[in-house]
Amino acid sequence: MMSGQHARVCRAGRRGFTLIELLVALLIFALLAVMSYGGLRSVLNAQQSFEQHNDRLAELQMLFLIMGRDIEQTIDRSIRDIYGDSQAALLGGDAGLELTRGGRGNPAGMARSQLQRVGWVLEDGQLQRLSWAVLDQAPDSVAIRQKMAGQVQRLNLRFLDQQGQWHLQWPESSREEGEPTFLPRVVEVTVELEDWGAVTRLYRIVSSRPSPAKPGL
């Protein structure tokens, strides 16, 4: 009697899962998989967004760092363009910015000037930095272009003169012919970005003050 009951218990213990139990298990597994994938996808999207934000921030920081160095080290040295015409040390307006700057690095000790002609222009949504190998250009002089930032909608410039007046272009349009041209005291740069809106920076030109007249002259 005991042996028969023991056999029935063993057969019951060896019985497999029913179809309903398997379906319920699969449903629970599917729900857990969907929840896990959704959480993982959110983490990956957040990480990607964070990396893109950091890359964009680094790009803009480098942009304003280099632009600031160019403007702050502007030197009052005019140049000759490819047509032989004289151009002011600093030109600025709707077309962009062009200037002569000092402090050009020379780690190799080459026999060249520490002055450099550089420019900033906006083309096809890209803010580019231009640089020339020489100050006074020849007909075949070509600027080296470097992309500094993308997704740029507009580049706005303003120039503060020695009397504290702002101008939208430099040299100022009110200057009379033959009047000496000085550098602006401050250059205001506003870059309008597609993703971050308008960012404004003010740069003071160190050598903007005119040289004092010597006594007796």
N, C-alpha and C. Protein backbone atom coordinates (compact mmCIF):
# COMPACT_ATOMS: atom_id res chain seq x y z
N MET A 1 0.83 -1.21 0.00
CA MET A 1 0.00 0.00 0.00
C MET A 1 0.85 1.25 0.00
N MET A 2 1.84 1.24 0.83
CA MET A 2 2.73 2.39 0.93
C MET A 2 3.55 2.56 -0.33
N SER A 3 3.93 1.44 -0.92
CA SER A 3 4.73 1.52 -2.14
C SER A 3 3.94 2.11 -3.29
N GLY A 4 2.64 1.81 -3.40
CA GLY A 4 1.82 2.37 -4.47
C GLY A 4 1.62 3.86 -4.30
N GLN A 5 1.38 4.29 -3.03
CA GLN A 5 1.23 5.73 -2.78
C GLN A 5 2.52 6.47 -3.08
N HIS A 6 3.64 5.87 -2.73
CA HIS A 6 4.95 6.49 -2.99
C HIS A 6 5.18 6.63 -4.50
N ALA A 7 4.73 5.66 -5.27
CA ALA A 7 4.90 5.73 -6.72
C ALA A 7 4.09 6.84 -7.32
N ARG A 8 2.81 7.02 -6.82
CA ARG A 8 1.97 8.11 -7.34
C ARG A 8 2.59 9.48 -7.03
N VAL A 9 3.18 9.63 -5.83
CA VAL A 9 3.85 10.89 -5.46
C VAL A 9 5.04 11.15 -6.37
N CYS A 10 5.80 10.14 -6.66
CA CYS A 10 6.97 10.31 -7.55
C CYS A 10 6.54 10.71 -8.94
N ARG A 11 5.42 10.08 -9.44
CA ARG A 11 4.95 10.44 -10.78
C ARG A 11 4.44 11.88 -10.82
N ALA A 12 3.80 12.30 -9.71
CA ALA A 12 3.32 13.69 -9.65
C ALA A 12 4.48 14.67 -9.60
N GLY A 13 5.57 14.29 -8.90
CA GLY A 13 6.73 15.18 -8.83
C GLY A 13 7.45 15.29 -10.15
N ARG A 14 7.35 14.23 -10.98
CA ARG A 14 8.02 14.29 -12.28
C ARG A 14 7.19 14.97 -13.36
N ARG A 15 5.98 15.40 -13.03
CA ARG A 15 5.11 16.02 -14.03
C ARG A 15 5.68 17.37 -14.47
N GLY A 16 5.74 17.71 -15.78
CA GLY A 16 6.27 18.97 -16.29
C GLY A 16 5.28 20.11 -16.16
N PHE A 17 5.72 21.31 -16.67
CA PHE A 17 4.85 22.48 -16.64
C PHE A 17 3.72 22.32 -17.65
N THR A 18 2.61 22.91 -17.32
CA THR A 18 1.50 22.92 -18.25
C THR A 18 1.71 24.03 -19.27
N LEU A 19 0.92 24.01 -20.33
CA LEU A 19 1.02 25.02 -21.39
C LEU A 19 0.73 26.41 -20.84
N ILE A 20 -0.26 26.51 -19.96
CA ILE A 20 -0.61 27.81 -19.39
C ILE A 20 0.54 28.35 -18.55
N GLU A 21 1.17 27.48 -17.79
CA GLU A 21 2.31 27.91 -16.97
C GLU A 21 3.46 28.40 -17.86
N LEU A 22 3.71 27.70 -18.95
CA LEU A 22 4.76 28.15 -19.87
C LEU A 22 4.44 29.50 -20.49
N LEU A 23 3.19 29.69 -20.88
CA LEU A 23 2.79 30.96 -21.48
C LEU A 23 2.92 32.10 -20.47
N VAL A 24 2.53 31.85 -19.24
CA VAL A 24 2.66 32.88 -18.20
C VAL A 24 4.13 33.22 -17.97
N ALA A 25 4.98 32.21 -17.93
CA ALA A 25 6.42 32.44 -17.73
C ALA A 25 7.01 33.24 -18.88
N LEU A 26 6.61 32.88 -20.10
CA LEU A 26 7.10 33.63 -21.26
C LEU A 26 6.62 35.08 -21.25
N LEU A 27 5.39 35.28 -20.83
CA LEU A 27 4.84 36.64 -20.76
C LEU A 27 5.60 37.49 -19.74
N ILE A 28 5.88 36.90 -18.59
CA ILE A 28 6.64 37.62 -17.57
C ILE A 28 8.04 37.94 -18.07
N PHE A 29 8.66 36.95 -18.74
CA PHE A 29 10.01 37.18 -19.27
C PHE A 29 10.00 38.29 -20.33
N ALA A 30 8.97 38.30 -21.18
CA ALA A 30 8.88 39.34 -22.22
C ALA A 30 8.69 40.72 -21.60
N LEU A 31 7.85 40.79 -20.56
CA LEU A 31 7.65 42.08 -19.91
C LEU A 31 8.93 42.58 -19.26
N LEU A 32 9.65 41.68 -18.61
CA LEU A 32 10.93 42.08 -17.99
C LEU A 32 11.94 42.52 -19.06
N ALA A 33 11.95 41.82 -20.20
CA ALA A 33 12.89 42.18 -21.27
C ALA A 33 12.55 43.56 -21.84
N VAL A 34 11.26 43.84 -22.04
CA VAL A 34 10.86 45.14 -22.57
C VAL A 34 11.22 46.26 -21.59
N MET A 35 10.96 46.02 -20.31
CA MET A 35 11.29 47.03 -19.29
C MET A 35 12.80 47.26 -19.22
N SER A 36 13.56 46.17 -19.30
CA SER A 36 15.02 46.31 -19.24
C SER A 36 15.55 47.06 -20.46
N TYR A 37 15.00 46.74 -21.66
CA TYR A 37 15.45 47.41 -22.87
C TYR A 37 15.10 48.89 -22.84
N GLY A 38 13.89 49.21 -22.35
CA GLY A 38 13.50 50.61 -22.26
C GLY A 38 14.41 51.40 -21.33
N GLY A 39 14.75 50.81 -20.19
CA GLY A 39 15.66 51.48 -19.27
C GLY A 39 17.05 51.64 -19.85
N LEU A 40 17.55 50.59 -20.53
CA LEU A 40 18.87 50.67 -21.15
C LEU A 40 18.90 51.71 -22.26
N ARG A 41 17.82 51.75 -23.05
CA ARG A 41 17.76 52.74 -24.13
C ARG A 41 17.76 54.16 -23.57
N SER A 42 17.05 54.38 -22.48
CA SER A 42 17.03 55.71 -21.85
C SER A 42 18.42 56.10 -21.36
N VAL A 43 19.12 55.14 -20.78
CA VAL A 43 20.48 55.42 -20.30
C VAL A 43 21.40 55.75 -21.46
N LEU A 44 21.31 54.97 -22.55
CA LEU A 44 22.17 55.21 -23.71
C LEU A 44 21.85 56.55 -24.38
N ASN A 45 20.55 56.88 -24.46
CA ASN A 45 20.18 58.17 -25.05
C ASN A 45 20.68 59.33 -24.20
N ALA A 46 20.57 59.18 -22.88
CA ALA A 46 21.06 60.24 -21.98
C ALA A 46 22.57 60.39 -22.11
N GLN A 47 23.27 59.26 -22.22
CA GLN A 47 24.73 59.32 -22.36
C GLN A 47 25.12 59.99 -23.68
N GLN A 48 24.41 59.63 -24.77
CA GLN A 48 24.70 60.24 -26.07
C GLN A 48 24.43 61.74 -26.05
N SER A 49 23.31 62.13 -25.44
CA SER A 49 22.98 63.55 -25.34
C SER A 49 24.02 64.30 -24.51
N PHE A 50 24.49 63.68 -23.44
CA PHE A 50 25.51 64.29 -22.59
C PHE A 50 26.82 64.47 -23.35
N GLU A 51 27.20 63.45 -24.13
CA GLU A 51 28.44 63.53 -24.90
C GLU A 51 28.34 64.60 -25.98
N GLN A 52 27.18 64.69 -26.64
CA GLN A 52 26.99 65.72 -27.66
C GLN A 52 27.04 67.12 -27.04
N HIS A 53 26.44 67.27 -25.86
CA HIS A 53 26.48 68.55 -25.16
C HIS A 53 27.91 68.93 -24.81
N ASN A 54 28.68 67.97 -24.31
CA ASN A 54 30.07 68.25 -23.96
C ASN A 54 30.90 68.59 -25.19
N ASP A 55 30.68 67.87 -26.29
CA ASP A 55 31.43 68.16 -27.52
C ASP A 55 31.09 69.56 -28.04
N ARG A 56 29.82 69.93 -27.97
CA ARG A 56 29.40 71.25 -28.43
C ARG A 56 30.00 72.34 -27.54
N LEU A 57 29.99 72.10 -26.24
CA LEU A 57 30.55 73.07 -25.30
C LEU A 57 32.04 73.25 -25.55
N ALA A 58 32.75 72.16 -25.76
CA ALA A 58 34.19 72.24 -26.03
C ALA A 58 34.46 72.99 -27.33
N GLU A 59 33.62 72.75 -28.35
CA GLU A 59 33.78 73.44 -29.63
C GLU A 59 33.61 74.94 -29.47
N LEU A 60 32.58 75.35 -28.73
CA LEU A 60 32.32 76.78 -28.55
C LEU A 60 33.38 77.43 -27.66
N GLN A 61 33.84 76.73 -26.66
CA GLN A 61 34.90 77.27 -25.81
C GLN A 61 36.17 77.52 -26.62
N MET A 62 36.51 76.56 -27.49
CA MET A 62 37.69 76.74 -28.34
C MET A 62 37.48 77.89 -29.32
N LEU A 63 36.27 78.00 -29.87
CA LEU A 63 35.95 79.08 -30.79
C LEU A 63 36.20 80.44 -30.15
N PHE A 64 35.59 80.69 -28.98
CA PHE A 64 35.71 81.99 -28.36
C PHE A 64 37.11 82.23 -27.79
N LEU A 65 37.81 81.17 -27.42
CA LEU A 65 39.19 81.33 -26.95
C LEU A 65 40.09 81.84 -28.08
N ILE A 66 40.02 81.19 -29.24
CA ILE A 66 40.87 81.58 -30.37
C ILE A 66 40.45 82.94 -30.91
N MET A 67 39.14 83.17 -31.03
CA MET A 67 38.67 84.47 -31.50
C MET A 67 39.10 85.58 -30.55
N GLY A 68 39.01 85.32 -29.26
CA GLY A 68 39.43 86.32 -28.28
C GLY A 68 40.90 86.65 -28.38
N ARG A 69 41.72 85.64 -28.59
CA ARG A 69 43.16 85.88 -28.75
C ARG A 69 43.44 86.71 -29.99
N ASP A 70 42.76 86.41 -31.06
CA ASP A 70 42.95 87.18 -32.30
C ASP A 70 42.61 88.66 -32.08
N ILE A 71 41.43 88.91 -31.50
CA ILE A 71 40.96 90.29 -31.36
C ILE A 71 41.79 91.04 -30.33
N GLU A 72 42.03 90.44 -29.19
CA GLU A 72 42.75 91.14 -28.12
C GLU A 72 44.18 91.47 -28.50
N GLN A 73 44.78 90.70 -29.42
CA GLN A 73 46.16 90.95 -29.83
C GLN A 73 46.25 91.68 -31.18
N THR A 74 45.16 92.38 -31.54
CA THR A 74 45.18 93.15 -32.78
C THR A 74 46.25 94.23 -32.73
N ILE A 75 47.00 94.36 -33.81
CA ILE A 75 48.08 95.34 -33.93
C ILE A 75 47.71 96.35 -35.02
N ASP A 76 48.04 97.62 -34.79
CA ASP A 76 47.73 98.67 -35.76
C ASP A 76 48.74 98.63 -36.91
N ARG A 77 48.56 97.64 -37.76
CA ARG A 77 49.44 97.46 -38.91
C ARG A 77 48.57 97.14 -40.12
N SER A 78 48.45 98.11 -41.03
CA SER A 78 47.67 97.90 -42.24
C SER A 78 48.41 96.97 -43.19
N ILE A 79 47.70 96.48 -44.19
CA ILE A 79 48.30 95.53 -45.14
C ILE A 79 47.93 95.91 -46.57
N ARG A 80 48.55 95.22 -47.52
CA ARG A 80 48.20 95.34 -48.93
C ARG A 80 47.48 94.07 -49.35
N ASP A 81 46.32 94.22 -50.01
CA ASP A 81 45.59 93.05 -50.45
C ASP A 81 46.15 92.54 -51.77
N ILE A 82 45.48 91.56 -52.39
CA ILE A 82 46.01 90.93 -53.60
C ILE A 82 46.00 91.90 -54.78
N TYR A 83 45.27 93.01 -54.68
CA TYR A 83 45.24 94.02 -55.74
C TYR A 83 46.21 95.16 -55.48
N GLY A 84 46.92 95.09 -54.37
CA GLY A 84 47.87 96.13 -54.03
C GLY A 84 47.26 97.30 -53.29
N ASP A 85 45.98 97.22 -52.95
CA ASP A 85 45.32 98.30 -52.23
C ASP A 85 45.57 98.17 -50.73
N SER A 86 45.66 99.34 -50.08
CA SER A 86 45.89 99.34 -48.63
C SER A 86 44.60 99.01 -47.89
N GLN A 87 44.70 98.15 -46.90
CA GLN A 87 43.57 97.76 -46.08
C GLN A 87 43.91 98.05 -44.61
N ALA A 88 42.90 98.53 -43.87
CA ALA A 88 43.12 98.90 -42.47
C ALA A 88 43.54 97.70 -41.64
N ALA A 89 44.13 98.01 -40.50
CA ALA A 89 44.58 96.94 -39.60
C ALA A 89 43.42 96.07 -39.16
N LEU A 90 42.24 96.68 -39.03
CA LEU A 90 41.05 95.91 -38.65
C LEU A 90 39.89 96.33 -39.52
N LEU A 91 39.26 95.34 -40.13
CA LEU A 91 38.08 95.55 -40.96
C LEU A 91 36.96 94.68 -40.40
N GLY A 92 35.79 95.27 -40.20
CA GLY A 92 34.69 94.49 -39.66
C GLY A 92 33.35 95.01 -40.09
N GLY A 93 32.38 94.10 -40.21
CA GLY A 93 31.03 94.48 -40.60
C GLY A 93 30.20 93.26 -40.90
N ASP A 94 29.25 93.41 -41.83
CA ASP A 94 28.37 92.31 -42.18
C ASP A 94 29.13 91.15 -42.82
N ALA A 95 30.21 91.45 -43.53
CA ALA A 95 30.96 90.41 -44.23
C ALA A 95 31.83 89.58 -43.29
N GLY A 96 32.01 90.03 -42.05
CA GLY A 96 32.86 89.31 -41.11
C GLY A 96 33.92 90.21 -40.51
N LEU A 97 35.02 89.63 -40.14
CA LEU A 97 36.09 90.34 -39.44
C LEU A 97 37.44 89.94 -40.02
N GLU A 98 38.30 90.96 -40.22
CA GLU A 98 39.66 90.71 -40.69
C GLU A 98 40.59 91.65 -39.95
N LEU A 99 41.73 91.14 -39.49
CA LEU A 99 42.61 91.96 -38.67
C LEU A 99 44.04 91.45 -38.73
N THR A 100 44.95 92.33 -38.29
CA THR A 100 46.35 91.97 -38.12
C THR A 100 46.61 91.76 -36.64
N ARG A 101 47.12 90.61 -36.28
CA ARG A 101 47.35 90.30 -34.88
C ARG A 101 48.82 90.00 -34.63
N GLY A 102 49.23 90.22 -33.38
CA GLY A 102 50.59 89.89 -32.96
C GLY A 102 50.57 88.60 -32.16
N GLY A 103 51.73 88.27 -31.59
CA GLY A 103 51.83 87.10 -30.75
C GLY A 103 51.75 85.78 -31.48
N ARG A 104 52.07 85.79 -32.76
CA ARG A 104 52.02 84.54 -33.53
C ARG A 104 53.12 83.60 -33.04
N GLY A 105 52.73 82.41 -32.67
CA GLY A 105 53.70 81.45 -32.15
C GLY A 105 54.72 81.03 -33.19
N ASN A 106 55.92 80.76 -32.73
CA ASN A 106 57.00 80.34 -33.62
C ASN A 106 57.88 79.32 -32.91
N PRO A 107 57.31 78.15 -32.57
CA PRO A 107 58.08 77.17 -31.79
C PRO A 107 59.30 76.63 -32.53
N ALA A 108 59.28 76.63 -33.87
CA ALA A 108 60.42 76.10 -34.64
C ALA A 108 61.51 77.14 -34.85
N GLY A 109 61.28 78.39 -34.41
CA GLY A 109 62.28 79.43 -34.57
C GLY A 109 62.52 79.82 -36.01
N MET A 110 61.48 79.81 -36.84
CA MET A 110 61.64 80.16 -38.25
C MET A 110 61.84 81.65 -38.41
N ALA A 111 62.48 82.01 -39.54
CA ALA A 111 62.75 83.42 -39.82
C ALA A 111 61.50 84.06 -40.42
N ARG A 112 60.56 84.46 -39.58
CA ARG A 112 59.34 85.10 -40.04
C ARG A 112 58.82 86.03 -38.95
N SER A 113 57.87 86.87 -39.35
CA SER A 113 57.31 87.86 -38.43
C SER A 113 56.37 87.18 -37.43
N GLN A 114 56.23 87.82 -36.28
CA GLN A 114 55.26 87.36 -35.29
C GLN A 114 53.87 87.93 -35.55
N LEU A 115 53.74 88.75 -36.59
CA LEU A 115 52.44 89.29 -36.97
C LEU A 115 51.76 88.36 -37.98
N GLN A 116 50.44 88.37 -37.98
CA GLN A 116 49.69 87.49 -38.88
C GLN A 116 48.37 88.15 -39.23
N ARG A 117 47.96 87.97 -40.46
CA ARG A 117 46.65 88.45 -40.91
C ARG A 117 45.65 87.30 -40.80
N VAL A 118 44.56 87.55 -40.08
CA VAL A 118 43.54 86.52 -39.88
C VAL A 118 42.16 87.11 -40.15
N GLY A 119 41.20 86.25 -40.35
CA GLY A 119 39.83 86.69 -40.59
C GLY A 119 38.82 85.69 -40.05
N TRP A 120 37.59 86.16 -39.88
CA TRP A 120 36.48 85.33 -39.42
C TRP A 120 35.29 85.58 -40.33
N VAL A 121 34.75 84.52 -40.94
CA VAL A 121 33.62 84.65 -41.85
C VAL A 121 32.62 83.53 -41.57
N LEU A 122 31.36 83.81 -41.91
CA LEU A 122 30.30 82.82 -41.78
C LEU A 122 29.87 82.39 -43.17
N GLU A 123 30.00 81.10 -43.47
CA GLU A 123 29.63 80.57 -44.78
C GLU A 123 28.90 79.24 -44.60
N ASP A 124 27.70 79.16 -45.17
CA ASP A 124 26.91 77.92 -45.16
C ASP A 124 26.74 77.36 -43.75
N GLY A 125 26.47 78.24 -42.80
CA GLY A 125 26.23 77.79 -41.43
C GLY A 125 27.47 77.43 -40.65
N GLN A 126 28.65 77.66 -41.22
CA GLN A 126 29.91 77.35 -40.55
C GLN A 126 30.70 78.63 -40.31
N LEU A 127 31.14 78.80 -39.07
CA LEU A 127 32.01 79.92 -38.74
C LEU A 127 33.45 79.47 -38.96
N GLN A 128 34.13 80.15 -39.89
CA GLN A 128 35.47 79.74 -40.28
C GLN A 128 36.49 80.81 -39.92
N ARG A 129 37.68 80.33 -39.60
CA ARG A 129 38.82 81.22 -39.35
C ARG A 129 39.75 81.16 -40.54
N LEU A 130 40.11 82.33 -41.08
CA LEU A 130 41.03 82.43 -42.20
C LEU A 130 42.38 82.94 -41.70
N SER A 131 43.43 82.45 -42.29
CA SER A 131 44.78 82.94 -41.95
C SER A 131 45.63 82.95 -43.21
N TRP A 132 46.48 83.96 -43.30
CA TRP A 132 47.37 84.14 -44.45
C TRP A 132 48.81 83.94 -44.01
N ALA A 133 49.61 83.40 -44.91
CA ALA A 133 51.01 83.15 -44.59
C ALA A 133 51.82 84.44 -44.54
N VAL A 134 51.35 85.50 -45.24
CA VAL A 134 52.07 86.76 -45.27
C VAL A 134 51.08 87.88 -44.96
N LEU A 135 51.62 89.04 -44.56
CA LEU A 135 50.77 90.19 -44.29
C LEU A 135 50.38 90.87 -45.60
N ASP A 136 51.35 91.37 -46.33
CA ASP A 136 51.10 92.01 -47.62
C ASP A 136 51.00 90.91 -48.68
N GLN A 137 49.80 90.78 -49.23
CA GLN A 137 49.50 89.61 -50.05
C GLN A 137 49.89 89.81 -51.51
N ALA A 138 50.25 88.71 -52.12
CA ALA A 138 50.53 88.67 -53.55
C ALA A 138 49.27 88.21 -54.28
N PRO A 139 49.23 88.37 -55.61
CA PRO A 139 48.04 87.93 -56.36
C PRO A 139 47.69 86.46 -56.16
N ASP A 140 48.66 85.62 -55.83
CA ASP A 140 48.38 84.20 -55.65
C ASP A 140 48.25 83.81 -54.18
N SER A 141 48.15 84.78 -53.27
CA SER A 141 48.01 84.47 -51.85
C SER A 141 46.62 83.87 -51.59
N VAL A 142 46.60 82.76 -50.90
CA VAL A 142 45.36 82.06 -50.59
C VAL A 142 45.26 81.88 -49.08
N ALA A 143 44.08 82.14 -48.54
CA ALA A 143 43.87 81.98 -47.11
C ALA A 143 43.65 80.52 -46.75
N ILE A 144 44.20 80.13 -45.61
CA ILE A 144 43.94 78.81 -45.05
C ILE A 144 42.65 78.88 -44.23
N ARG A 145 41.71 78.00 -44.52
CA ARG A 145 40.41 78.02 -43.85
C ARG A 145 40.33 76.90 -42.82
N GLN A 146 39.79 77.24 -41.67
CA GLN A 146 39.61 76.27 -40.60
C GLN A 146 38.20 76.41 -40.02
N LYS A 147 37.44 75.32 -40.05
CA LYS A 147 36.10 75.36 -39.48
C LYS A 147 36.20 75.40 -37.96
N MET A 148 35.54 76.39 -37.36
CA MET A 148 35.59 76.55 -35.91
C MET A 148 34.28 76.13 -35.24
N ALA A 149 33.15 76.29 -35.91
CA ALA A 149 31.87 75.91 -35.33
C ALA A 149 30.83 75.77 -36.43
N GLY A 150 29.93 74.80 -36.25
CA GLY A 150 28.82 74.62 -37.17
C GLY A 150 27.51 75.04 -36.53
N GLN A 151 26.43 74.92 -37.30
CA GLN A 151 25.08 75.29 -36.84
C GLN A 151 25.03 76.75 -36.38
N VAL A 152 25.70 77.62 -37.14
CA VAL A 152 25.71 79.05 -36.81
C VAL A 152 24.78 79.76 -37.79
N GLN A 153 23.85 80.52 -37.25
CA GLN A 153 22.88 81.23 -38.08
C GLN A 153 23.34 82.64 -38.45
N ARG A 154 24.01 83.32 -37.53
CA ARG A 154 24.36 84.72 -37.79
C ARG A 154 25.58 85.11 -36.96
N LEU A 155 26.40 85.99 -37.53
CA LEU A 155 27.54 86.58 -36.83
C LEU A 155 27.36 88.09 -36.84
N ASN A 156 27.18 88.68 -35.65
CA ASN A 156 26.98 90.11 -35.51
C ASN A 156 28.17 90.73 -34.79
N LEU A 157 28.61 91.89 -35.30
CA LEU A 157 29.77 92.57 -34.73
C LEU A 157 29.42 94.02 -34.41
N ARG A 158 29.99 94.51 -33.31
CA ARG A 158 29.90 95.94 -32.98
C ARG A 158 31.27 96.39 -32.48
N PHE A 159 31.57 97.68 -32.70
CA PHE A 159 32.89 98.21 -32.38
C PHE A 159 32.74 99.48 -31.56
N LEU A 160 33.45 99.54 -30.45
CA LEU A 160 33.41 100.70 -29.55
C LEU A 160 34.61 101.58 -29.83
N ASP A 161 34.36 102.86 -30.22
CA ASP A 161 35.46 103.75 -30.55
C ASP A 161 36.03 104.43 -29.31
N GLN A 162 36.99 105.32 -29.53
CA GLN A 162 37.67 105.99 -28.43
C GLN A 162 36.75 106.95 -27.67
N GLN A 163 35.67 107.38 -28.28
CA GLN A 163 34.73 108.31 -27.63
C GLN A 163 33.56 107.58 -26.97
N GLY A 164 33.60 106.25 -26.97
CA GLY A 164 32.55 105.47 -26.32
C GLY A 164 31.32 105.27 -27.17
N GLN A 165 31.43 105.43 -28.50
CA GLN A 165 30.30 105.24 -29.40
C GLN A 165 30.42 103.89 -30.10
N TRP A 166 29.28 103.21 -30.24
CA TRP A 166 29.26 101.92 -30.91
C TRP A 166 29.02 102.09 -32.40
N HIS A 167 29.67 101.23 -33.20
CA HIS A 167 29.53 101.23 -34.65
C HIS A 167 29.31 99.80 -35.13
N LEU A 168 28.54 99.67 -36.20
CA LEU A 168 28.26 98.35 -36.76
C LEU A 168 29.31 97.93 -37.78
N GLN A 169 30.17 98.85 -38.17
CA GLN A 169 31.26 98.49 -39.07
C GLN A 169 32.51 99.28 -38.68
N TRP A 170 33.66 98.74 -39.10
CA TRP A 170 34.93 99.38 -38.81
C TRP A 170 35.85 99.23 -40.01
N PRO A 171 36.54 100.33 -40.42
CA PRO A 171 36.49 101.69 -39.83
C PRO A 171 35.09 102.29 -39.92
N GLU A 172 34.77 103.15 -38.96
CA GLU A 172 33.43 103.70 -38.88
C GLU A 172 33.11 104.52 -40.12
N SER A 173 31.86 104.45 -40.54
CA SER A 173 31.43 105.11 -41.77
C SER A 173 31.45 106.63 -41.64
N SER A 174 31.42 107.15 -40.41
CA SER A 174 31.38 108.60 -40.21
C SER A 174 32.77 109.23 -40.30
N ARG A 175 33.80 108.42 -40.44
CA ARG A 175 35.16 108.95 -40.49
C ARG A 175 35.38 109.72 -41.79
N GLU A 176 35.93 110.90 -41.67
CA GLU A 176 36.21 111.72 -42.85
C GLU A 176 37.45 111.21 -43.57
N GLU A 177 37.48 111.44 -44.88
CA GLU A 177 38.60 110.98 -45.69
C GLU A 177 39.88 111.67 -45.25
N GLY A 178 40.93 110.89 -45.10
CA GLY A 178 42.21 111.43 -44.64
C GLY A 178 42.36 111.45 -43.14
N GLU A 179 41.30 111.24 -42.40
CA GLU A 179 41.38 111.23 -40.94
C GLU A 179 42.08 109.95 -40.48
N PRO A 180 43.01 110.04 -39.52
CA PRO A 180 43.73 108.84 -39.08
C PRO A 180 42.78 107.81 -38.48
N THR A 181 43.09 106.56 -38.72
CA THR A 181 42.26 105.46 -38.24
C THR A 181 42.92 104.81 -37.04
N PHE A 182 42.19 104.72 -35.94
CA PHE A 182 42.67 104.01 -34.77
C PHE A 182 41.89 102.70 -34.62
N LEU A 183 42.41 101.84 -33.81
CA LEU A 183 41.72 100.60 -33.53
C LEU A 183 40.57 100.85 -32.57
N PRO A 184 39.51 100.07 -32.65
CA PRO A 184 38.44 100.21 -31.66
C PRO A 184 38.93 99.77 -30.28
N ARG A 185 38.28 100.29 -29.26
CA ARG A 185 38.65 99.89 -27.90
C ARG A 185 38.15 98.49 -27.58
N VAL A 186 36.91 98.20 -28.01
CA VAL A 186 36.27 96.93 -27.70
C VAL A 186 35.56 96.42 -28.94
N VAL A 187 35.58 95.11 -29.11
CA VAL A 187 34.81 94.45 -30.17
C VAL A 187 33.79 93.53 -29.51
N GLU A 188 32.52 93.74 -29.86
CA GLU A 188 31.45 92.88 -29.35
C GLU A 188 31.10 91.85 -30.42
N VAL A 189 31.15 90.59 -30.06
CA VAL A 189 30.87 89.49 -30.99
C VAL A 189 29.63 88.75 -30.49
N THR A 190 28.62 88.65 -31.35
CA THR A 190 27.43 87.86 -31.04
C THR A 190 27.28 86.76 -32.08
N VAL A 191 27.31 85.53 -31.62
CA VAL A 191 27.15 84.37 -32.49
C VAL A 191 25.79 83.74 -32.20
N GLU A 192 24.93 83.71 -33.18
CA GLU A 192 23.61 83.10 -33.02
C GLU A 192 23.66 81.65 -33.49
N LEU A 193 23.40 80.74 -32.56
CA LEU A 193 23.49 79.30 -32.82
C LEU A 193 22.10 78.69 -32.97
N GLU A 194 22.01 77.65 -33.77
CA GLU A 194 20.73 76.98 -33.97
C GLU A 194 20.25 76.29 -32.70
N ASP A 195 21.19 75.78 -31.91
CA ASP A 195 20.81 74.99 -30.75
C ASP A 195 20.90 75.76 -29.43
N TRP A 196 21.80 76.72 -29.32
CA TRP A 196 22.01 77.40 -28.04
C TRP A 196 21.58 78.86 -28.05
N GLY A 197 21.06 79.34 -29.17
CA GLY A 197 20.64 80.73 -29.22
C GLY A 197 21.84 81.66 -29.38
N ALA A 198 21.66 82.92 -28.97
CA ALA A 198 22.69 83.95 -29.15
C ALA A 198 23.68 83.92 -27.98
N VAL A 199 24.96 83.94 -28.33
CA VAL A 199 26.03 84.00 -27.33
C VAL A 199 26.87 85.23 -27.64
N THR A 200 27.04 86.12 -26.66
CA THR A 200 27.75 87.39 -26.85
C THR A 200 29.02 87.42 -26.00
N ARG A 201 30.09 87.90 -26.60
CA ARG A 201 31.36 88.09 -25.90
C ARG A 201 31.91 89.48 -26.22
N LEU A 202 32.55 90.10 -25.24
CA LEU A 202 33.22 91.38 -25.41
C LEU A 202 34.73 91.17 -25.30
N TYR A 203 35.47 91.73 -26.27
CA TYR A 203 36.93 91.59 -26.27
C TYR A 203 37.56 92.98 -26.33
N ARG A 204 38.44 93.25 -25.41
CA ARG A 204 39.15 94.54 -25.37
C ARG A 204 40.46 94.42 -26.13
N ILE A 205 40.70 95.36 -27.02
CA ILE A 205 41.95 95.38 -27.78
C ILE A 205 43.00 96.10 -26.95
N VAL A 206 44.05 95.39 -26.61
CA VAL A 206 45.06 95.93 -25.70
C VAL A 206 45.75 97.15 -26.29
N SER A 207 46.06 97.13 -27.58
CA SER A 207 46.82 98.22 -28.21
C SER A 207 45.92 99.24 -28.89
N SER A 208 44.67 99.38 -28.43
CA SER A 208 43.73 100.25 -29.12
C SER A 208 43.96 101.73 -28.84
N ARG A 209 44.56 102.06 -27.71
CA ARG A 209 44.74 103.47 -27.37
C ARG A 209 45.80 104.10 -28.27
N PRO A 210 45.53 105.27 -28.84
CA PRO A 210 46.54 105.93 -29.67
C PRO A 210 47.74 106.36 -28.86
N SER A 211 48.89 106.34 -29.49
CA SER A 211 50.11 106.73 -28.80
C SER A 211 50.05 108.20 -28.41
N PRO A 212 50.45 108.56 -27.16
CA PRO A 212 50.43 109.97 -26.75
C PRO A 212 51.44 110.80 -27.54
N ALA A 213 51.09 112.04 -27.81
CA ALA A 213 51.98 112.91 -28.56
C ALA A 213 53.20 113.27 -27.71
N LYS A 214 54.34 113.36 -28.36
CA LYS A 214 55.57 113.69 -27.66
C LYS A 214 55.59 115.18 -27.32
N PRO A 215 56.17 115.56 -26.16
CA PRO A 215 56.23 116.98 -25.81
C PRO A 215 56.96 117.79 -26.85
N GLY A 216 56.40 118.97 -27.12
CA GLY A 216 57.05 119.88 -28.04
C GLY A 216 56.62 119.67 -29.49
N LEU A 217 55.77 118.64 -29.75
CA LEU A 217 55.34 118.41 -31.13
C LEU A 217 53.93 118.91 -31.33
